[in-house]
Amino acid sequence: MGKKSAKIAALIQSFHGRAHDAHYFGYFECFNRGLYYEAHEVLEELWLADRKGPNHGFYKGLIQLAGAFVHLQKNRLRPAAALFRLARANLQPYPRIHERLDTGQIVASVDVWLSLLEESDFTASPLETDPAPKLALIDTP
């Protein structure tokens, strides 16, 4: 296990015992740190276990969202746009608030990032001028 893998495993371990699976919380922690590949990897474990479950598309959309930002970081702009579109398609069917996440806000953010890519005619990564979004879970009473 590499140094980064050990850090991610420790991060996930720190979220055990909460209302949701630790991988779910780990995804948001990694995403908000700009560790998009790791966010994808962390949530993939949960998604694979739920391949036929009601959150299959939801997790898949979040994984694709992280993947889109991996592509932006590597300046692969058309693949980023393709993953943004897939993420939107997978997240849209869910209620506006799902699993403590404002999916409506995420979809709106995806639309903004797609617009930025299209306006530049896929010649400039929006990450060069705009900060990546931070994802926040909604506190429930």
Foldseek 3Di string as FASTA:
>chain_A
DDPVVVVLVVQLVVQPPDPDRSLVVSLLVCVQVVNLVSSLVSLVVVLVVQVPHPCNLVSQLSSLQSVLSVCLVVLVLVSSLVSLVSSLVSLVVDPCADPQFRSVVVNVVSVVLNVVCVVVVSPHRCVVPDPDDRTDGHDDD
